Amino acid sequence: MKLRLFAKTALPTIILAGAVTTAFAAGPPIGISPVDTGSLPSTGEEWLTVNPYRADTAGVDVWKEAVEVGASGYNQNCARCHGIEGVSGGLAPDLRYLEAEEYGDEWYAERFRSGMTQNGITKMPAFEEQLGQDAAWAIRTYIETRPDSDAMDAVSDELKALRDQMAEYANNAEGADAEALQARLTEIGEGIDTLSGAPVADSIALRAAAQIDGTPAAYKTAAETLTIGLSAAN
């Protein structure tokens, strides 16, 4: 199922790149950062075995909120070991490949709640008490919507061209066709798969498409979204 949707950007905090690429061998993070789950619906006290925030379960608006909340939670607590955008350096599991289905959800929930200890050394802290279930599934939603890197590479040249076009429209939007740009960016976004099997990838193409409203300011924002996303991909 492909959906024509996206709203607020869930771009990672790029300034974290230098700090969080430390390998898994460096040990667990010092402290755990709380996650503001905002307006996400509560998942209750009993732990679930299936992600409740997927678009086909909770609806598009909840899904979008979960991706944004999850991006923040992941970058604060997970990226140091598991890598920016979930791209592992090889010493920690690459969570992008964790199946977006019940089997993957159960494994994720168990590891999130209990952490991981090996030979008496804590490799991953237990997050259950500090972050709770709402944050857990938001982070899971963000992880499973990471786009396939190869698919992104295949469209990067066209996205760069569209970025340059919108940068020009940011200065002079006369003659710009907002609907055509949105349609093409959406089409590109819908063609980008996830590695988890989740139906929708949180791609910069869909983010940029949602930001276009025909005004110069919106073209500037969309161009910046593509610029940052393409830079992070490289």
Protein backbone atom coordinates (compact mmCIF):
# COMPACT_ATOMS: atom_id res chain seq x y z
CA MET A 1 0.00 0.00 0.00
CA LYS A 2 1.37 3.40 -1.02
CA LEU A 3 0.04 6.54 0.59
CA ARG A 4 0.12 10.12 -0.66
CA LEU A 5 0.94 11.78 2.59
CA PHE A 6 3.40 13.57 4.81
CA ALA A 7 3.51 16.75 6.81
CA LYS A 8 5.97 18.09 9.36
CA THR A 9 9.57 17.28 8.70
CA ALA A 10 11.19 14.51 10.68
CA LEU A 11 14.72 15.35 9.59
CA PRO A 12 17.37 14.13 12.03
CA THR A 13 19.39 16.63 13.98
CA ILE A 14 22.35 16.81 11.64
CA ILE A 15 24.61 18.42 14.22
CA LEU A 16 24.54 15.14 16.10
CA ALA A 17 26.45 13.41 13.33
CA GLY A 18 29.88 13.91 14.82
CA ALA A 19 28.77 12.89 18.28
CA VAL A 20 26.65 9.86 17.58
CA THR A 21 28.66 7.92 15.04
CA THR A 22 30.78 6.46 17.82
CA ALA A 23 30.74 2.70 17.41
CA PHE A 24 28.78 0.29 19.58
CA ALA A 25 32.04 -0.71 21.26
CA ALA A 26 32.14 2.69 22.94
CA GLY A 27 29.47 1.48 25.34
CA PRO A 28 25.95 2.63 26.16
CA PRO A 29 24.98 6.30 26.26
CA ILE A 30 25.65 8.22 29.46
CA GLY A 31 22.15 8.82 30.72
CA ILE A 32 18.88 8.51 28.85
CA SER A 33 17.16 11.55 27.37
CA PRO A 34 13.40 11.81 27.96
CA VAL A 35 11.14 11.85 24.91
CA ASP A 36 8.21 14.24 24.60
CA THR A 37 5.47 12.08 23.08
CA GLY A 38 3.31 15.14 22.45
CA SER A 39 -0.22 14.39 21.31
CA LEU A 40 0.33 10.71 20.58
CA PRO A 41 -2.50 8.54 21.89
CA SER A 42 -1.55 6.58 24.98
CA THR A 43 -0.69 2.92 24.45
CA GLY A 44 -1.60 2.00 28.02
CA GLU A 45 0.32 0.18 30.73
CA GLU A 46 0.28 -3.35 29.32
CA TRP A 47 3.00 -3.74 26.71
CA LEU A 48 1.83 -4.43 23.20
CA THR A 49 3.36 -6.89 20.74
CA VAL A 50 2.43 -4.97 17.58
CA ASN A 51 3.28 -1.37 16.71
CA PRO A 52 0.05 0.62 17.26
CA TYR A 53 1.23 3.73 15.41
CA ARG A 54 1.36 2.41 11.84
CA ALA A 55 -0.69 4.39 9.35
CA ASP A 56 -2.97 1.49 8.45
CA THR A 57 -3.77 0.97 12.16
CA ALA A 58 -3.78 4.39 13.81
CA GLY A 59 -4.43 6.63 10.83
CA VAL A 60 -2.23 9.00 8.88
CA ASP A 61 -2.14 11.86 11.41
CA VAL A 62 -1.04 9.63 14.29
CA TRP A 63 1.53 7.96 12.05
CA LYS A 64 3.02 11.32 11.04
CA GLU A 65 3.23 12.43 14.68
CA ALA A 66 4.85 9.11 15.65
CA VAL A 67 7.52 9.48 12.96
CA GLU A 68 8.41 12.98 14.18
CA VAL A 69 8.44 12.01 17.86
CA GLY A 70 10.38 8.85 17.05
CA ALA A 71 13.00 10.79 15.09
CA SER A 72 13.71 12.94 18.14
CA GLY A 73 13.78 9.96 20.49
CA TYR A 74 16.01 7.93 18.21
CA ASN A 75 18.55 10.71 17.69
CA GLN A 76 18.78 11.37 21.42
CA ASN A 77 19.01 7.79 22.62
CA CYS A 78 19.80 5.35 19.82
CA ALA A 79 21.81 6.95 17.03
CA ARG A 80 25.09 6.90 18.95
CA CYS A 81 25.24 3.12 18.63
CA HIS A 82 22.84 2.31 15.79
CA GLY A 83 23.85 5.17 13.49
CA ILE A 84 22.32 8.29 11.94
CA GLU A 85 19.03 7.43 10.17
CA GLY A 86 19.44 3.85 11.45
CA VAL A 87 22.44 3.16 9.19
CA SER A 88 24.67 1.03 11.40
CA GLY A 89 28.44 1.09 11.20
CA GLY A 90 28.45 -2.68 11.54
CA LEU A 91 29.00 -3.28 15.26
CA ALA A 92 25.38 -2.71 16.26
CA PRO A 93 22.35 -4.19 14.47
CA ASP A 94 21.09 -2.25 11.48
CA LEU A 95 17.54 -1.70 12.67
CA ARG A 96 16.30 -0.70 9.22
CA TYR A 97 16.10 -4.40 8.37
CA LEU A 98 13.93 -5.32 11.36
CA GLU A 99 10.66 -6.58 9.85
CA ALA A 100 7.67 -4.25 10.22
CA GLU A 101 5.45 -7.05 11.42
CA GLU A 102 4.64 -8.83 14.68
CA TYR A 103 7.83 -10.89 14.81
CA GLY A 104 10.00 -7.80 14.47
CA ASP A 105 7.81 -5.85 16.89
CA GLU A 106 8.14 -8.52 19.59
CA TRP A 107 11.92 -8.64 19.26
CA TYR A 108 12.13 -4.85 19.34
CA ALA A 109 9.89 -4.50 22.41
CA GLU A 110 11.84 -7.12 24.35
CA ARG A 111 15.19 -5.51 23.60
CA PHE A 112 13.86 -1.99 24.29
CA ARG A 113 12.46 -3.05 27.65
CA SER A 114 15.31 -5.27 28.87
CA GLY A 115 18.37 -3.93 27.11
CA MET A 116 21.34 -6.17 26.40
CA THR A 117 24.16 -7.40 28.62
CA GLN A 118 27.06 -9.46 27.30
CA ASN A 119 29.78 -10.97 29.47
CA GLY A 120 28.66 -8.78 32.33
CA ILE A 121 28.95 -5.61 30.24
CA THR A 122 25.88 -3.51 29.42
CA LYS A 123 25.85 -3.10 25.65
CA MET A 124 22.43 -1.49 25.60
CA PRO A 125 20.56 -0.03 28.57
CA ALA A 126 16.97 -0.95 29.35
CA PHE A 127 14.72 1.92 28.28
CA GLU A 128 11.36 0.74 29.61
CA GLU A 129 11.20 2.67 32.87
CA GLN A 130 12.86 5.84 31.62
CA LEU A 131 11.06 6.27 28.28
CA GLY A 132 7.89 4.19 28.43
CA GLN A 133 5.80 2.48 25.80
CA ASP A 134 4.57 5.49 23.83
CA ALA A 135 8.14 6.60 23.11
CA ALA A 136 9.15 3.03 22.34
CA TRP A 137 6.61 2.61 19.55
CA ALA A 138 7.23 6.09 18.19
CA ILE A 139 10.93 5.25 17.84
CA ARG A 140 9.96 1.93 16.25
CA THR A 141 7.78 3.80 13.73
CA TYR A 142 10.64 6.10 12.83
CA ILE A 143 13.09 3.21 12.43
CA GLU A 144 10.86 1.11 10.19
CA THR A 145 10.15 4.01 7.83
CA ARG A 146 13.80 4.59 6.92
CA PRO A 147 14.14 4.61 3.12
CA ASP A 148 16.18 2.08 1.19
CA SER A 149 19.56 3.77 0.56
CA ASP A 150 19.90 2.22 -2.89
CA ALA A 151 16.46 3.50 -3.87
CA MET A 152 17.43 6.97 -2.67
CA ASP A 153 20.67 6.85 -4.66
CA ALA A 154 18.70 5.98 -7.79
CA VAL A 155 16.65 9.19 -7.58
CA SER A 156 19.25 11.51 -6.07
CA ASP A 157 20.13 13.19 -9.37
CA GLU A 158 16.51 14.05 -10.10
CA LEU A 159 15.98 15.26 -6.54
CA LYS A 160 19.00 17.53 -6.90
CA ALA A 161 17.56 18.95 -10.12
CA LEU A 162 14.20 19.55 -8.44
CA ARG A 163 15.99 21.11 -5.49
CA ASP A 164 17.80 23.55 -7.77
CA GLN A 165 14.56 24.37 -9.55
CA MET A 166 12.80 25.17 -6.27
CA ALA A 167 15.76 27.24 -5.09
CA GLU A 168 15.20 29.41 -8.17
CA TYR A 169 11.47 29.63 -7.40
CA ALA A 170 12.36 30.79 -3.89
CA ASN A 171 13.62 33.97 -5.50
CA ASN A 172 11.00 34.21 -8.23
CA ALA A 173 8.02 31.84 -8.25
CA GLU A 174 6.53 33.28 -11.44
CA GLY A 175 5.70 30.45 -13.82
CA ALA A 176 6.21 27.75 -11.19
CA ASP A 177 3.77 24.85 -11.25
CA ALA A 178 3.34 23.87 -7.61
CA GLU A 179 0.93 21.04 -8.34
CA ALA A 180 3.25 19.47 -10.91
CA LEU A 181 6.21 19.66 -8.52
CA GLN A 182 4.18 18.16 -5.70
CA ALA A 183 2.95 15.38 -7.97
CA ARG A 184 6.45 14.47 -9.15
CA LEU A 185 7.96 14.55 -5.66
CA THR A 186 5.09 12.43 -4.36
CA GLU A 187 5.53 9.98 -7.21
CA ILE A 188 9.22 9.69 -6.42
CA GLY A 189 8.48 9.25 -2.72
CA GLU A 190 5.93 6.55 -3.33
CA GLY A 191 8.49 4.63 -5.35
CA ILE A 192 11.03 4.52 -2.52
CA ASP A 193 10.77 1.34 -0.48
CA THR A 194 11.69 0.67 3.12
CA LEU A 195 14.07 -2.09 4.16
CA SER A 196 11.68 -3.20 6.91
CA GLY A 197 8.74 -3.83 4.61
CA ALA A 198 6.75 -0.92 6.07
CA PRO A 199 4.40 0.45 3.38
CA VAL A 200 5.59 4.07 3.44
CA ALA A 201 9.14 5.40 3.55
CA ASP A 202 9.86 8.61 5.45
CA SER A 203 11.68 10.09 2.46
CA ILE A 204 12.82 13.63 1.76
CA ALA A 205 10.77 13.52 -1.45
CA LEU A 206 7.50 13.22 0.48
CA ARG A 207 8.63 15.75 3.06
CA ALA A 208 9.42 18.32 0.38
CA ALA A 209 6.17 17.62 -1.48
CA ALA A 210 4.16 18.37 1.64
CA GLN A 211 5.93 21.67 2.18
CA ILE A 212 5.12 23.20 -1.22
CA ASP A 213 2.21 25.65 -1.25
CA GLY A 214 3.20 27.81 -4.19
CA THR A 215 4.86 30.58 -2.19
CA PRO A 216 8.55 31.50 -2.47
CA ALA A 217 9.05 30.77 1.23
CA ALA A 218 7.67 27.26 0.81
CA TYR A 219 9.92 26.59 -2.18
CA LYS A 220 12.89 27.68 -0.07
CA THR A 221 11.88 25.35 2.77
CA ALA A 222 11.36 22.41 0.39
CA ALA A 223 14.72 23.06 -1.29
CA GLU A 224 16.42 23.11 2.10
CA THR A 225 14.73 19.82 3.02
CA LEU A 226 16.16 18.19 -0.09
CA THR A 227 19.59 19.75 0.45
CA ILE A 228 19.86 18.49 4.04
CA GLY A 229 18.45 15.08 3.19
CA LEU A 230 20.71 14.53 0.21
CA SER A 231 23.72 15.64 2.26
CA ALA A 232 22.86 13.22 5.06
CA ALA A 233 22.46 10.40 2.56
CA ASN A 234 26.04 10.95 1.40
